[in-house]
Amino acid sequence: ATIQAVILVLRGLRWGVLARPLGASVKAIAISSLVGIPATFFVPFRLGELVRPVMLSRRGVSLAHAMSAVVVERVADGLLNVGLFFGLLALLPASIEIAPEIRTLALVALAGFGGGRVVLIAFAVARGPVLAFLCRVLGVVSARLATRVVDIIASFLDGIALLGDARRIAAFVALTIAYWSMNGAATHWLATSHGGALPWLAGPFVISVVVFARPRQG
């Protein structure tokens, strides 16, 4: 219970690093963390990820801005764990067999999270031309739809821009490493406490696989 409490605090602090620049109060961040983080595990199809931004939006934060923080969080976690998977894979003994399906899922996740990062960078570097192109394409269907979609994306990108402070990024990276390290350590401790004899890297390796290979219903 103590380890889980520490993990929850670390993730809450990391969420605060992303949410504070958006204008969220410490109280709103704490409440959204206490309710929203557990919801990510219990609400089907990962819809629990919407709980935190929705809760912040009810306290004056733009929903698009809050969603941008969740996207940054998810892309960072995905890239870290997929990278960790391939890094630890090289350290595993040759006698350990990894199912081909796991390797395939890892490659798919790498493409997905890596592609998400590329898209975010593209929007940041060429925001004006990309939004203008999108407006023209959607305008063929409906000018009103095009304006609405572009406004939402622009607000989303504004939220990401607010997160771009160097010290904030450093804090986010440090808390991300601490959070996932604690998850890996907790997994290793849980396995060994039940009589299992596992190397230390088994914990973080299992966590990295769970992140991209677990069913999406919860």
N, C-alpha and C. Protein backbone atom coordinates (compact mmCIF):
# COMPACT_ATOMS: atom_id res chain seq x y z
N ALA A 1 0.83 -1.20 0.00
CA ALA A 1 0.00 0.00 0.00
C ALA A 1 0.86 1.26 0.00
N THR A 2 1.96 1.20 0.75
CA THR A 2 2.86 2.36 0.82
C THR A 2 3.48 2.64 -0.54
N ILE A 3 3.92 1.57 -1.22
CA ILE A 3 4.53 1.74 -2.53
C ILE A 3 3.53 2.32 -3.52
N GLN A 4 2.30 1.81 -3.49
CA GLN A 4 1.28 2.32 -4.39
C GLN A 4 0.96 3.78 -4.10
N ALA A 5 1.00 4.15 -2.82
CA ALA A 5 0.76 5.55 -2.45
C ALA A 5 1.86 6.45 -3.02
N VAL A 6 3.11 5.97 -2.93
CA VAL A 6 4.24 6.74 -3.48
C VAL A 6 4.10 6.88 -4.99
N ILE A 7 3.71 5.80 -5.65
CA ILE A 7 3.51 5.83 -7.10
C ILE A 7 2.42 6.82 -7.48
N LEU A 8 1.33 6.80 -6.73
CA LEU A 8 0.23 7.74 -6.99
C LEU A 8 0.68 9.18 -6.79
N VAL A 9 1.46 9.42 -5.75
CA VAL A 9 1.96 10.78 -5.49
C VAL A 9 2.87 11.25 -6.61
N LEU A 10 3.77 10.36 -7.07
CA LEU A 10 4.68 10.72 -8.15
C LEU A 10 3.92 11.08 -9.42
N ARG A 11 2.90 10.29 -9.74
CA ARG A 11 2.13 10.59 -10.95
C ARG A 11 1.32 11.86 -10.77
N GLY A 12 0.81 12.07 -9.55
CA GLY A 12 0.07 13.30 -9.29
C GLY A 12 0.96 14.52 -9.42
N LEU A 13 2.18 14.44 -8.90
CA LEU A 13 3.13 15.55 -9.02
C LEU A 13 3.46 15.82 -10.49
N ARG A 14 3.62 14.75 -11.25
CA ARG A 14 3.92 14.92 -12.67
C ARG A 14 2.75 15.57 -13.40
N TRP A 15 1.54 15.16 -13.06
CA TRP A 15 0.36 15.78 -13.65
C TRP A 15 0.31 17.27 -13.29
N GLY A 16 0.72 17.59 -12.07
CA GLY A 16 0.76 18.98 -11.65
C GLY A 16 1.73 19.81 -12.46
N VAL A 17 2.87 19.21 -12.82
CA VAL A 17 3.85 19.92 -13.65
C VAL A 17 3.24 20.32 -14.99
N LEU A 18 2.38 19.45 -15.52
CA LEU A 18 1.74 19.74 -16.81
C LEU A 18 0.54 20.66 -16.66
N ALA A 19 -0.19 20.52 -15.56
CA ALA A 19 -1.45 21.24 -15.41
C ALA A 19 -1.30 22.65 -14.85
N ARG A 20 -0.29 22.90 -14.05
CA ARG A 20 -0.14 24.22 -13.45
C ARG A 20 -0.02 25.35 -14.47
N PRO A 21 0.77 25.17 -15.55
CA PRO A 21 0.88 26.25 -16.55
C PRO A 21 -0.43 26.55 -17.26
N LEU A 22 -1.38 25.62 -17.18
CA LEU A 22 -2.67 25.80 -17.85
C LEU A 22 -3.63 26.63 -16.99
N GLY A 23 -3.19 26.96 -15.78
CA GLY A 23 -4.03 27.77 -14.90
C GLY A 23 -4.77 26.97 -13.85
N ALA A 24 -4.49 25.68 -13.73
CA ALA A 24 -5.17 24.84 -12.75
C ALA A 24 -4.62 25.12 -11.35
N SER A 25 -5.50 25.15 -10.37
CA SER A 25 -5.09 25.35 -8.99
C SER A 25 -4.54 24.05 -8.42
N VAL A 26 -3.80 24.17 -7.32
CA VAL A 26 -3.25 22.98 -6.67
C VAL A 26 -4.38 22.06 -6.22
N LYS A 27 -5.46 22.64 -5.71
CA LYS A 27 -6.60 21.84 -5.26
C LYS A 27 -7.24 21.09 -6.42
N ALA A 28 -7.43 21.78 -7.55
CA ALA A 28 -8.03 21.14 -8.72
C ALA A 28 -7.15 20.01 -9.24
N ILE A 29 -5.84 20.22 -9.22
CA ILE A 29 -4.91 19.19 -9.68
C ILE A 29 -4.97 17.98 -8.76
N ALA A 30 -4.99 18.23 -7.45
CA ALA A 30 -5.02 17.13 -6.48
C ALA A 30 -6.30 16.31 -6.63
N ILE A 31 -7.44 16.99 -6.75
CA ILE A 31 -8.72 16.28 -6.87
C ILE A 31 -8.78 15.50 -8.18
N SER A 32 -8.36 16.12 -9.27
CA SER A 32 -8.40 15.43 -10.55
C SER A 32 -7.46 14.23 -10.57
N SER A 33 -6.35 14.31 -9.83
CA SER A 33 -5.41 13.18 -9.75
C SER A 33 -6.00 12.04 -8.94
N LEU A 34 -6.58 12.37 -7.78
CA LEU A 34 -7.12 11.34 -6.90
C LEU A 34 -8.28 10.59 -7.55
N VAL A 35 -9.05 11.28 -8.38
CA VAL A 35 -10.18 10.65 -9.05
C VAL A 35 -9.78 10.11 -10.42
N GLY A 36 -9.06 10.92 -11.18
CA GLY A 36 -8.77 10.59 -12.57
C GLY A 36 -7.74 9.50 -12.79
N ILE A 37 -6.69 9.46 -11.96
CA ILE A 37 -5.65 8.46 -12.16
C ILE A 37 -6.19 7.04 -11.93
N PRO A 38 -6.91 6.76 -10.82
CA PRO A 38 -7.51 5.43 -10.69
C PRO A 38 -8.51 5.12 -11.81
N ALA A 39 -9.19 6.16 -12.30
CA ALA A 39 -10.19 5.94 -13.36
C ALA A 39 -9.57 5.39 -14.63
N THR A 40 -8.29 5.71 -14.87
CA THR A 40 -7.64 5.21 -16.08
C THR A 40 -7.53 3.68 -16.08
N PHE A 41 -7.59 3.09 -14.89
CA PHE A 41 -7.48 1.63 -14.79
C PHE A 41 -8.84 0.93 -14.76
N PHE A 42 -9.88 1.66 -14.38
CA PHE A 42 -11.17 1.01 -14.17
C PHE A 42 -12.22 1.34 -15.23
N VAL A 43 -12.10 2.48 -15.89
CA VAL A 43 -13.07 2.86 -16.91
C VAL A 43 -12.69 2.16 -18.22
N PRO A 44 -13.63 1.50 -18.88
CA PRO A 44 -13.31 0.71 -20.09
C PRO A 44 -12.74 1.55 -21.22
N PHE A 45 -11.94 0.87 -22.07
CA PHE A 45 -11.40 1.46 -23.30
C PHE A 45 -10.57 2.71 -23.07
N ARG A 46 -9.93 2.79 -21.90
CA ARG A 46 -9.04 3.91 -21.56
C ARG A 46 -9.77 5.25 -21.52
N LEU A 47 -11.08 5.23 -21.44
CA LEU A 47 -11.84 6.48 -21.37
C LEU A 47 -11.59 7.21 -20.06
N GLY A 48 -11.00 6.50 -19.10
CA GLY A 48 -10.65 7.14 -17.85
C GLY A 48 -9.65 8.27 -18.01
N GLU A 49 -8.92 8.26 -19.15
CA GLU A 49 -7.96 9.33 -19.41
C GLU A 49 -8.67 10.69 -19.57
N LEU A 50 -9.97 10.65 -19.85
CA LEU A 50 -10.72 11.89 -20.03
C LEU A 50 -11.14 12.52 -18.71
N VAL A 51 -11.07 11.75 -17.63
CA VAL A 51 -11.58 12.24 -16.35
C VAL A 51 -10.82 13.45 -15.87
N ARG A 52 -9.49 13.39 -15.88
CA ARG A 52 -8.70 14.52 -15.38
C ARG A 52 -8.93 15.80 -16.17
N PRO A 53 -8.82 15.78 -17.51
CA PRO A 53 -9.07 17.02 -18.25
C PRO A 53 -10.48 17.55 -18.08
N VAL A 54 -11.46 16.64 -18.02
CA VAL A 54 -12.85 17.09 -17.84
C VAL A 54 -13.01 17.77 -16.48
N MET A 55 -12.40 17.19 -15.45
CA MET A 55 -12.49 17.78 -14.12
C MET A 55 -11.82 19.15 -14.07
N LEU A 56 -10.69 19.28 -14.75
CA LEU A 56 -10.03 20.59 -14.79
C LEU A 56 -10.85 21.61 -15.58
N SER A 57 -11.51 21.14 -16.64
CA SER A 57 -12.31 22.05 -17.45
C SER A 57 -13.47 22.63 -16.65
N ARG A 58 -13.95 21.89 -15.66
CA ARG A 58 -15.03 22.36 -14.81
C ARG A 58 -14.55 23.37 -13.77
N ARG A 59 -13.24 23.56 -13.74
CA ARG A 59 -12.65 24.53 -12.82
C ARG A 59 -11.92 25.63 -13.57
N GLY A 60 -12.38 25.87 -14.80
CA GLY A 60 -11.91 27.03 -15.54
C GLY A 60 -10.78 26.81 -16.52
N VAL A 61 -10.26 25.58 -16.62
CA VAL A 61 -9.18 25.29 -17.56
C VAL A 61 -9.79 24.85 -18.89
N SER A 62 -9.22 25.35 -19.99
CA SER A 62 -9.68 24.94 -21.31
C SER A 62 -9.56 23.43 -21.46
N LEU A 63 -10.63 22.79 -21.93
CA LEU A 63 -10.61 21.35 -22.12
C LEU A 63 -9.54 20.94 -23.13
N ALA A 64 -9.42 21.71 -24.20
CA ALA A 64 -8.40 21.40 -25.22
C ALA A 64 -7.00 21.49 -24.62
N HIS A 65 -6.77 22.50 -23.77
CA HIS A 65 -5.46 22.63 -23.12
C HIS A 65 -5.20 21.44 -22.20
N ALA A 66 -6.22 21.07 -21.43
CA ALA A 66 -6.06 19.95 -20.51
C ALA A 66 -5.81 18.64 -21.27
N MET A 67 -6.49 18.47 -22.40
CA MET A 67 -6.28 17.27 -23.20
C MET A 67 -4.87 17.23 -23.77
N SER A 68 -4.32 18.40 -24.08
CA SER A 68 -2.95 18.44 -24.60
C SER A 68 -1.96 17.90 -23.58
N ALA A 69 -2.23 18.19 -22.29
CA ALA A 69 -1.36 17.68 -21.23
C ALA A 69 -1.42 16.17 -21.15
N VAL A 70 -2.62 15.60 -21.31
CA VAL A 70 -2.78 14.15 -21.29
C VAL A 70 -2.05 13.51 -22.48
N VAL A 71 -2.16 14.14 -23.65
CA VAL A 71 -1.48 13.60 -24.83
C VAL A 71 0.03 13.60 -24.64
N VAL A 72 0.57 14.70 -24.11
CA VAL A 72 2.01 14.77 -23.84
C VAL A 72 2.41 13.65 -22.88
N GLU A 73 1.62 13.46 -21.85
CA GLU A 73 1.88 12.42 -20.85
C GLU A 73 1.90 11.04 -21.49
N ARG A 74 0.88 10.75 -22.31
CA ARG A 74 0.78 9.43 -22.91
C ARG A 74 1.89 9.17 -23.92
N VAL A 75 2.21 10.16 -24.75
CA VAL A 75 3.28 9.98 -25.73
C VAL A 75 4.61 9.74 -25.03
N ALA A 76 4.88 10.52 -23.97
CA ALA A 76 6.14 10.36 -23.23
C ALA A 76 6.21 8.97 -22.59
N ASP A 77 5.11 8.53 -21.97
CA ASP A 77 5.11 7.21 -21.34
C ASP A 77 5.28 6.11 -22.38
N GLY A 78 4.61 6.26 -23.50
CA GLY A 78 4.71 5.24 -24.55
C GLY A 78 6.11 5.10 -25.09
N LEU A 79 6.73 6.23 -25.42
CA LEU A 79 8.09 6.20 -25.98
C LEU A 79 9.09 5.67 -24.95
N LEU A 80 8.94 6.09 -23.69
CA LEU A 80 9.85 5.61 -22.66
C LEU A 80 9.77 4.10 -22.49
N ASN A 81 8.56 3.57 -22.43
CA ASN A 81 8.42 2.14 -22.17
C ASN A 81 8.74 1.28 -23.37
N VAL A 82 8.44 1.76 -24.56
CA VAL A 82 8.84 1.00 -25.75
C VAL A 82 10.36 1.00 -25.87
N GLY A 83 10.97 2.15 -25.62
CA GLY A 83 12.43 2.21 -25.63
C GLY A 83 13.04 1.31 -24.57
N LEU A 84 12.40 1.29 -23.38
CA LEU A 84 12.87 0.43 -22.30
C LEU A 84 12.75 -1.05 -22.69
N PHE A 85 11.66 -1.37 -23.37
CA PHE A 85 11.46 -2.76 -23.80
C PHE A 85 12.61 -3.23 -24.69
N PHE A 86 12.93 -2.45 -25.71
CA PHE A 86 13.98 -2.86 -26.64
C PHE A 86 15.35 -2.81 -25.97
N GLY A 87 15.56 -1.86 -25.05
CA GLY A 87 16.83 -1.78 -24.34
C GLY A 87 17.04 -2.99 -23.44
N LEU A 88 16.01 -3.35 -22.66
CA LEU A 88 16.12 -4.49 -21.77
C LEU A 88 16.13 -5.80 -22.53
N LEU A 89 15.49 -5.82 -23.69
CA LEU A 89 15.47 -7.03 -24.51
C LEU A 89 16.89 -7.47 -24.86
N ALA A 90 17.74 -6.51 -25.09
CA ALA A 90 19.13 -6.83 -25.43
C ALA A 90 19.91 -7.37 -24.24
N LEU A 91 19.40 -7.12 -23.01
CA LEU A 91 20.11 -7.57 -21.81
C LEU A 91 19.61 -8.91 -21.30
N LEU A 92 18.48 -9.37 -21.82
CA LEU A 92 17.92 -10.63 -21.36
C LEU A 92 18.80 -11.81 -21.80
N PRO A 93 18.87 -12.83 -20.96
CA PRO A 93 19.64 -14.04 -21.35
C PRO A 93 19.07 -14.65 -22.63
N ALA A 94 19.93 -15.23 -23.41
CA ALA A 94 19.50 -15.83 -24.69
C ALA A 94 18.51 -16.97 -24.49
N SER A 95 18.52 -17.56 -23.30
CA SER A 95 17.63 -18.69 -23.04
C SER A 95 16.17 -18.26 -22.87
N ILE A 96 15.93 -16.98 -22.64
CA ILE A 96 14.57 -16.49 -22.44
C ILE A 96 13.92 -16.21 -23.79
N GLU A 97 12.78 -16.81 -24.03
CA GLU A 97 12.07 -16.63 -25.29
C GLU A 97 10.98 -15.57 -25.14
N ILE A 98 10.94 -14.66 -26.09
CA ILE A 98 9.92 -13.62 -26.11
C ILE A 98 8.97 -13.93 -27.27
N ALA A 99 7.68 -13.98 -26.98
CA ALA A 99 6.70 -14.30 -28.01
C ALA A 99 6.79 -13.30 -29.16
N PRO A 100 6.72 -13.78 -30.40
CA PRO A 100 6.77 -12.88 -31.56
C PRO A 100 5.69 -11.80 -31.51
N GLU A 101 4.53 -12.16 -30.93
CA GLU A 101 3.44 -11.18 -30.85
C GLU A 101 3.83 -9.97 -30.01
N ILE A 102 4.62 -10.22 -28.95
CA ILE A 102 5.06 -9.12 -28.09
C ILE A 102 5.98 -8.18 -28.86
N ARG A 103 6.90 -8.76 -29.65
CA ARG A 103 7.80 -7.94 -30.45
C ARG A 103 7.01 -7.12 -31.47
N THR A 104 6.01 -7.76 -32.07
CA THR A 104 5.19 -7.05 -33.06
C THR A 104 4.44 -5.90 -32.42
N LEU A 105 3.85 -6.16 -31.25
CA LEU A 105 3.13 -5.09 -30.54
C LEU A 105 4.07 -3.94 -30.18
N ALA A 106 5.29 -4.29 -29.81
CA ALA A 106 6.27 -3.25 -29.46
C ALA A 106 6.59 -2.37 -30.67
N LEU A 107 6.74 -2.99 -31.83
CA LEU A 107 7.02 -2.22 -33.05
C LEU A 107 5.82 -1.34 -33.43
N VAL A 108 4.62 -1.89 -33.27
CA VAL A 108 3.42 -1.11 -33.56
C VAL A 108 3.32 0.07 -32.60
N ALA A 109 3.59 -0.18 -31.32
CA ALA A 109 3.55 0.90 -30.33
C ALA A 109 4.61 1.95 -30.63
N LEU A 110 5.80 1.51 -31.03
CA LEU A 110 6.86 2.45 -31.36
C LEU A 110 6.45 3.34 -32.53
N ALA A 111 5.83 2.72 -33.54
CA ALA A 111 5.36 3.49 -34.69
C ALA A 111 4.26 4.46 -34.28
N GLY A 112 3.36 4.00 -33.41
CA GLY A 112 2.26 4.86 -32.98
C GLY A 112 2.71 6.03 -32.14
N PHE A 113 3.47 5.76 -31.08
CA PHE A 113 3.93 6.83 -30.21
C PHE A 113 4.96 7.72 -30.91
N GLY A 114 5.83 7.09 -31.70
CA GLY A 114 6.80 7.88 -32.45
C GLY A 114 6.12 8.76 -33.48
N GLY A 115 5.09 8.19 -34.14
CA GLY A 115 4.33 8.98 -35.10
C GLY A 115 3.60 10.13 -34.43
N GLY A 116 3.07 9.87 -33.23
CA GLY A 116 2.41 10.95 -32.48
C GLY A 116 3.37 12.09 -32.17
N ARG A 117 4.58 11.73 -31.81
CA ARG A 117 5.58 12.77 -31.52
C ARG A 117 5.91 13.56 -32.78
N VAL A 118 6.05 12.87 -33.90
CA VAL A 118 6.35 13.55 -35.17
C VAL A 118 5.24 14.52 -35.53
N VAL A 119 3.99 14.08 -35.34
CA VAL A 119 2.84 14.96 -35.65
C VAL A 119 2.86 16.20 -34.77
N LEU A 120 3.12 16.03 -33.48
CA LEU A 120 3.17 17.17 -32.57
C LEU A 120 4.28 18.15 -32.97
N ILE A 121 5.43 17.60 -33.35
CA ILE A 121 6.54 18.45 -33.77
C ILE A 121 6.19 19.19 -35.06
N ALA A 122 5.56 18.47 -35.99
CA ALA A 122 5.17 19.08 -37.26
C ALA A 122 4.21 20.25 -37.03
N PHE A 123 3.23 20.06 -36.15
CA PHE A 123 2.29 21.13 -35.84
C PHE A 123 3.01 22.31 -35.19
N ALA A 124 3.99 22.00 -34.31
CA ALA A 124 4.70 23.07 -33.62
C ALA A 124 5.59 23.87 -34.57
N VAL A 125 6.24 23.16 -35.50
CA VAL A 125 7.19 23.83 -36.41
C VAL A 125 6.47 24.56 -37.53
N ALA A 126 5.43 23.94 -38.07
CA ALA A 126 4.73 24.53 -39.22
C ALA A 126 3.24 24.67 -38.91
N ARG A 127 2.94 25.27 -37.78
CA ARG A 127 1.56 25.36 -37.32
C ARG A 127 0.66 26.06 -38.34
N GLY A 128 1.06 27.23 -38.79
CA GLY A 128 0.24 28.00 -39.70
C GLY A 128 -0.10 27.27 -40.99
N PRO A 129 0.91 26.79 -41.73
CA PRO A 129 0.64 26.08 -42.98
C PRO A 129 -0.19 24.81 -42.78
N VAL A 130 0.09 24.06 -41.70
CA VAL A 130 -0.65 22.82 -41.47
C VAL A 130 -2.11 23.11 -41.16
N LEU A 131 -2.38 24.11 -40.33
CA LEU A 131 -3.76 24.45 -40.01
C LEU A 131 -4.49 25.01 -41.23
N ALA A 132 -3.78 25.78 -42.03
CA ALA A 132 -4.39 26.33 -43.24
C ALA A 132 -4.76 25.22 -44.22
N PHE A 133 -3.86 24.26 -44.37
CA PHE A 133 -4.13 23.12 -45.25
C PHE A 133 -5.32 22.32 -44.74
N LEU A 134 -5.35 22.09 -43.44
CA LEU A 134 -6.46 21.33 -42.84
C LEU A 134 -7.78 22.07 -43.03
N CYS A 135 -7.74 23.38 -42.90
CA CYS A 135 -8.94 24.19 -43.08
C CYS A 135 -9.46 24.09 -44.51
N ARG A 136 -8.55 24.11 -45.48
CA ARG A 136 -8.95 24.00 -46.88
C ARG A 136 -9.57 22.63 -47.17
N VAL A 137 -8.97 21.58 -46.64
CA VAL A 137 -9.47 20.23 -46.88
C VAL A 137 -10.86 20.05 -46.27
N LEU A 138 -11.01 20.44 -45.01
CA LEU A 138 -12.30 20.29 -44.34
C LEU A 138 -13.34 21.26 -44.89
N GLY A 139 -12.86 22.39 -45.43
CA GLY A 139 -13.77 23.38 -45.99
C GLY A 139 -14.55 22.87 -47.19
N VAL A 140 -14.00 21.84 -47.83
CA VAL A 140 -14.71 21.23 -48.96
C VAL A 140 -16.01 20.60 -48.47
N VAL A 141 -15.98 20.07 -47.25
CA VAL A 141 -17.16 19.44 -46.66
C VAL A 141 -18.06 20.49 -46.03
N SER A 142 -17.47 21.34 -45.17
CA SER A 142 -18.25 22.35 -44.47
C SER A 142 -17.31 23.42 -43.92
N ALA A 143 -17.58 24.67 -44.27
CA ALA A 143 -16.76 25.77 -43.78
C ALA A 143 -16.88 25.89 -42.26
N ARG A 144 -18.07 25.66 -41.76
CA ARG A 144 -18.29 25.74 -40.31
C ARG A 144 -17.53 24.65 -39.57
N LEU A 145 -17.57 23.43 -40.14
CA LEU A 145 -16.83 22.32 -39.55
C LEU A 145 -15.34 22.60 -39.56
N ALA A 146 -14.84 23.12 -40.68
CA ALA A 146 -13.42 23.43 -40.81
C ALA A 146 -12.98 24.43 -39.76
N THR A 147 -13.76 25.48 -39.57
CA THR A 147 -13.42 26.50 -38.58
C THR A 147 -13.41 25.92 -37.18
N ARG A 148 -14.42 25.11 -36.88
CA ARG A 148 -14.53 24.52 -35.55
C ARG A 148 -13.36 23.59 -35.25
N VAL A 149 -13.04 22.72 -36.19
CA VAL A 149 -11.95 21.76 -35.98
C VAL A 149 -10.61 22.48 -35.84
N VAL A 150 -10.38 23.46 -36.70
CA VAL A 150 -9.11 24.20 -36.65
C VAL A 150 -9.00 24.98 -35.35
N ASP A 151 -10.08 25.54 -34.88
CA ASP A 151 -10.06 26.27 -33.60
C ASP A 151 -9.71 25.33 -32.44
N ILE A 152 -10.28 24.13 -32.47
CA ILE A 152 -9.99 23.16 -31.40
C ILE A 152 -8.52 22.74 -31.44
N ILE A 153 -8.02 22.45 -32.65
CA ILE A 153 -6.62 22.04 -32.77
C ILE A 153 -5.69 23.18 -32.36
N ALA A 154 -6.03 24.40 -32.74
CA ALA A 154 -5.21 25.56 -32.38
C ALA A 154 -5.17 25.72 -30.86
N SER A 155 -6.31 25.55 -30.21
CA SER A 155 -6.34 25.64 -28.75
C SER A 155 -5.53 24.52 -28.12
N PHE A 156 -5.61 23.33 -28.71
CA PHE A 156 -4.83 22.19 -28.24
C PHE A 156 -3.33 22.50 -28.34
N LEU A 157 -2.91 23.07 -29.46
CA LEU A 157 -1.50 23.40 -29.66
C LEU A 157 -1.06 24.51 -28.72
N ASP A 158 -1.96 25.45 -28.42
CA ASP A 158 -1.64 26.49 -27.45
C ASP A 158 -1.34 25.87 -26.09
N GLY A 159 -2.12 24.84 -25.74
CA GLY A 159 -1.88 24.15 -24.47
C GLY A 159 -0.52 23.48 -24.43
N ILE A 160 -0.13 22.86 -25.54
CA ILE A 160 1.19 22.22 -25.59
C ILE A 160 2.29 23.27 -25.48
N ALA A 161 2.09 24.43 -26.12
CA ALA A 161 3.09 25.49 -26.07
C ALA A 161 3.31 25.97 -24.65
N LEU A 162 2.26 25.96 -23.84
CA LEU A 162 2.38 26.40 -22.45
C LEU A 162 3.25 25.46 -21.62
N LEU A 163 3.44 24.25 -22.11
CA LEU A 163 4.22 23.26 -21.36
C LEU A 163 5.70 23.30 -21.72
N GLY A 164 6.08 24.19 -22.62
CA GLY A 164 7.41 24.15 -23.20
C GLY A 164 8.53 24.83 -22.45
N ASP A 165 8.40 25.07 -21.17
CA ASP A 165 9.46 25.67 -20.37
C ASP A 165 10.53 24.62 -20.06
N ALA A 166 11.82 25.00 -20.17
CA ALA A 166 12.92 24.05 -20.01
C ALA A 166 12.93 23.41 -18.62
N ARG A 167 12.74 24.22 -17.59
CA ARG A 167 12.74 23.66 -16.23
C ARG A 167 11.55 22.73 -16.00
N ARG A 168 10.42 23.09 -16.60
CA ARG A 168 9.23 22.25 -16.47
C ARG A 168 9.44 20.92 -17.18
N ILE A 169 10.06 20.97 -18.34
CA ILE A 169 10.35 19.74 -19.08
C ILE A 169 11.29 18.85 -18.28
N ALA A 170 12.32 19.47 -17.67
CA ALA A 170 13.28 18.70 -16.87
C ALA A 170 12.58 18.04 -15.68
N ALA A 171 11.68 18.77 -15.03
CA ALA A 171 10.93 18.22 -13.89
C ALA A 171 10.03 17.08 -14.35
N PHE A 172 9.40 17.27 -15.50
CA PHE A 172 8.52 16.23 -16.04
C PHE A 172 9.31 14.97 -16.35
N VAL A 173 10.46 15.11 -16.97
CA VAL A 173 11.29 13.95 -17.32
C VAL A 173 11.76 13.24 -16.05
N ALA A 174 12.21 14.01 -15.06
CA ALA A 174 12.69 13.41 -13.81
C ALA A 174 11.58 12.64 -13.10
N LEU A 175 10.39 13.24 -13.03
CA LEU A 175 9.26 12.56 -12.37
C LEU A 175 8.80 11.35 -13.16
N THR A 176 8.89 11.42 -14.50
CA THR A 176 8.53 10.28 -15.33
C THR A 176 9.46 9.10 -15.06
N ILE A 177 10.75 9.37 -14.99
CA ILE A 177 11.73 8.31 -14.71
C ILE A 177 11.50 7.74 -13.32
N ALA A 178 11.26 8.62 -12.33
CA ALA A 178 11.03 8.16 -10.96
C ALA A 178 9.76 7.33 -10.87
N TYR A 179 8.72 7.77 -11.56
CA TYR A 179 7.43 7.07 -11.54
C TYR A 179 7.55 5.66 -12.10
N TRP A 180 8.16 5.54 -13.28
CA TRP A 180 8.25 4.22 -13.90
C TRP A 180 9.29 3.35 -13.22
N SER A 181 10.33 3.94 -12.65
CA SER A 181 11.30 3.17 -11.87
C SER A 181 10.63 2.55 -10.65
N MET A 182 9.79 3.34 -9.99
CA MET A 182 9.07 2.83 -8.82
C MET A 182 8.11 1.71 -9.22
N ASN A 183 7.45 1.85 -10.38
CA ASN A 183 6.57 0.80 -10.88
C ASN A 183 7.35 -0.50 -11.12
N GLY A 184 8.52 -0.36 -11.74
CA GLY A 184 9.35 -1.54 -12.01
C GLY A 184 9.83 -2.19 -10.73
N ALA A 185 10.27 -1.36 -9.76
CA ALA A 185 10.74 -1.89 -8.48
C ALA A 185 9.62 -2.59 -7.73
N ALA A 186 8.41 -2.00 -7.77
CA ALA A 186 7.26 -2.60 -7.09
C ALA A 186 6.90 -3.95 -7.70
N THR A 187 6.96 -4.04 -9.03
CA THR A 187 6.65 -5.30 -9.71
C THR A 187 7.66 -6.38 -9.36
N HIS A 188 8.94 -6.00 -9.33
CA HIS A 188 9.99 -6.95 -8.96
C HIS A 188 9.81 -7.41 -7.51
N TRP A 189 9.54 -6.46 -6.62
CA TRP A 189 9.36 -6.81 -5.22
C TRP A 189 8.17 -7.73 -5.03
N LEU A 190 7.07 -7.45 -5.73
CA LEU A 190 5.87 -8.28 -5.61
C LEU A 190 6.14 -9.71 -6.06
N ALA A 191 6.89 -9.85 -7.15
CA ALA A 191 7.19 -11.19 -7.68
C ALA A 191 8.11 -11.96 -6.72
N THR A 192 9.16 -11.31 -6.24
CA THR A 192 10.11 -12.00 -5.37
C THR A 192 9.53 -12.28 -3.99
N SER A 193 8.60 -11.44 -3.54
CA SER A 193 8.00 -11.65 -2.22
C SER A 193 7.10 -12.87 -2.19
N HIS A 194 6.73 -13.36 -3.37
CA HIS A 194 5.89 -14.56 -3.45
C HIS A 194 6.72 -15.79 -3.85
N GLY A 195 8.01 -15.70 -3.61
CA GLY A 195 8.85 -16.87 -3.83
C GLY A 195 9.53 -16.93 -5.18
N GLY A 196 9.32 -15.95 -6.03
CA GLY A 196 9.95 -15.98 -7.34
C GLY A 196 11.40 -15.52 -7.27
N ALA A 197 12.26 -16.14 -8.04
CA ALA A 197 13.66 -15.75 -8.12
C ALA A 197 13.88 -15.09 -9.48
N LEU A 198 13.79 -13.77 -9.52
CA LEU A 198 13.87 -13.04 -10.78
C LEU A 198 14.99 -12.00 -10.73
N PRO A 199 15.65 -11.76 -11.86
CA PRO A 199 16.66 -10.69 -11.91
C PRO A 199 15.98 -9.34 -11.78
N TRP A 200 16.74 -8.31 -11.41
CA TRP A 200 16.17 -6.99 -11.16
C TRP A 200 15.49 -6.41 -12.38
N LEU A 201 15.98 -6.75 -13.59
CA LEU A 201 15.42 -6.15 -14.79
C LEU A 201 14.07 -6.73 -15.18
N ALA A 202 13.67 -7.81 -14.48
CA ALA A 202 12.38 -8.43 -14.79
C ALA A 202 11.23 -7.47 -14.49
N GLY A 203 11.36 -6.72 -13.40
CA GLY A 203 10.30 -5.78 -13.02
C GLY A 203 10.04 -4.73 -14.07
N PRO A 204 11.06 -3.92 -14.43
CA PRO A 204 10.84 -2.90 -15.46
C PRO A 204 10.49 -3.48 -16.82
N PHE A 205 11.00 -4.68 -17.13
CA PHE A 205 10.68 -5.29 -18.42
C PHE A 205 9.20 -5.64 -18.48
N VAL A 206 8.67 -6.24 -17.42
CA VAL A 206 7.25 -6.59 -17.38
C VAL A 206 6.40 -5.34 -17.49
N ILE A 207 6.76 -4.29 -16.76
CA ILE A 207 6.01 -3.04 -16.81
C ILE A 207 6.00 -2.47 -18.23
N SER A 208 7.16 -2.50 -18.89
CA SER A 208 7.24 -1.94 -20.24
C SER A 208 6.34 -2.69 -21.20
N VAL A 209 6.23 -4.01 -21.02
CA VAL A 209 5.37 -4.82 -21.89
C VAL A 209 3.90 -4.53 -21.60
N VAL A 210 3.57 -4.41 -20.32
CA VAL A 210 2.18 -4.17 -19.93
C VAL A 210 1.66 -2.87 -20.50
N VAL A 211 2.51 -1.86 -20.58
CA VAL A 211 2.08 -0.55 -21.06
C VAL A 211 1.51 -0.61 -22.46
N PHE A 212 2.15 -1.36 -23.36
CA PHE A 212 1.66 -1.38 -24.75
C PHE A 212 0.96 -2.68 -25.15
N ALA A 213 1.04 -3.71 -24.29
CA ALA A 213 0.45 -5.00 -24.67
C ALA A 213 -0.80 -5.35 -23.91
N ARG A 214 -1.12 -4.62 -22.84
CA ARG A 214 -2.31 -5.01 -22.08
C ARG A 214 -3.57 -4.68 -22.87
N PRO A 215 -4.65 -5.39 -22.62
CA PRO A 215 -5.92 -5.11 -23.31
C PRO A 215 -6.36 -3.69 -23.07
N ARG A 216 -7.00 -3.08 -24.03
CA ARG A 216 -7.40 -1.68 -23.93
C ARG A 216 -8.72 -1.49 -23.22
N GLN A 217 -9.31 -2.56 -22.66
CA GLN A 217 -10.62 -2.37 -22.05
C GLN A 217 -10.53 -1.77 -20.66
N GLY A 218 -9.30 -1.64 -20.08
CA GLY A 218 -9.22 -1.11 -18.74
C GLY A 218 -7.95 -0.37 -18.52
